[in-house]
Amino acid sequence: MVLQPSLKNCLWLSCILRTPKAGFRSTASGALIIQSVSNDVYQNLAVEDWIHDHMDLEKRPILFLWRNSPAVVIGRHQNPWQECNLRLLRQKNIKLARRRSGGGTVYHDLGNINLTFFTTRKKYERMENLKLVVKALKALRPQLNVHVSDRYDILLDRQYKISGTAAKLGRTSAYHHCTLLCNADKFILSSVLKSPYKGLKSNATPSVSASVKNLFEEDPSLTSEMLLDAIVKEYATQHQTDHHITLMNPADETLLPGIINKTKELQTWEWVYGKTPKFSVSTCLNMVYKDSVLDVKVNMDVKHGRIEGCNIDLPEQWLPPALYSELVKSLTGCKFCPNETTTLATTLLRVCPQDDELHSRWNLLCENMVMLM
């Protein structure tokens, strides 16, 4: 489906979205289908929050369509160190985002379609939404063996996950969002969703691993545009509305007052990392130094993404006690973050005695500490 934004459509959407709830209830009805013109994960997640917080969904349910450039999205109650390879994300410049709904961690790229179904809380029914997607897929390709599992996943050939699901239920409004794998990069997906961090203990919600498959692998003639078109038509049919898609710019403050601040909040370290449930790290660093292996035990408690307590069990005389004590003291209260720890280590090195061997030992220890993060 070729989408052409028009001034008329934008003005119409602006009128609907900015109508006060009291007036909206009596002046508008019928489902609304919106597609984001942005591929930025933070902007699109902010739109979800904005619609949930501001729209009266009693008479106007909404289907929101969006796609992201490469990003890993974790659930609200998850631990990013437990869920993904943060070092690899940094190397490949892949964004990390924490959404406001629960559920597990997913990888997004332009081969992945995102669908958000907005309703009132009373009318919330994610099984029906997923059945709608399955019906659309079968209408497009009747030979596809797809069904909804008891875990609210959509499975292909009863073994490959092609769609995961999550939801947020507010006091009166709710939304359910799901993914659909069309032609995502499975190599990157499997690489970034594999945590290399050892010794983590956490009560955060863990993801459940599953075998995945792209619909493109099953039928190379399928495209994301075809899938979107089929889903939109099925949604419009079930809601007895026109299958017209209205394009939305998620950075438009005149259309979505306050959206820029919502987007900025989702990008902050305090939200992405600081909202991580309390966890601990208990591990042994096997540091190679002058053809020998040195075992260094490290124990840390991390709360709100910051090191709350720290103990490093070093062999006697390996570092001057005063320097070791200053390191532990400085790490306490520090972000559990490689950049901040590196800066801290560099600062402490300046007050370290001018001794080449001591500097080598210090750098080795700090490099290994950074690798924990």
Foldseek 3Di string as FASTA:
>chain_A
DDDDADPVLVVVLLCQQPDAAVVNVPPDAFEAEAEEPDQDPLLVLLVVVLCQPGPDQAGYKYKYKYAHAWEKEAELAAALLQFWAVVVCVVVVGYYFYHDWGAGMFIGHRQKMKIKIKHWLVPDDLQVLVVLLVVLVCVLPVVWDWDADPQRFIDTPVAATQKDKTKDHDPTMIMIMMMGGAPDDVVVGVHTRDRPAPQKDDPTDHHDDGHHDHVCVVPVVDGPVSSVQSSLVSVCVVRVHDSDYHYDHSVDCSSRPPSVVSSVVRRDCLRRRLSHAKMKGWDWDFFDDPNHTFTKIKIFIAHSQATQAIDIRGDPPLAPPVLVVVLRVVRHRHGLALVRLVVVLVVSVVVDPPDVSNSVSSVRVSVRSSVND
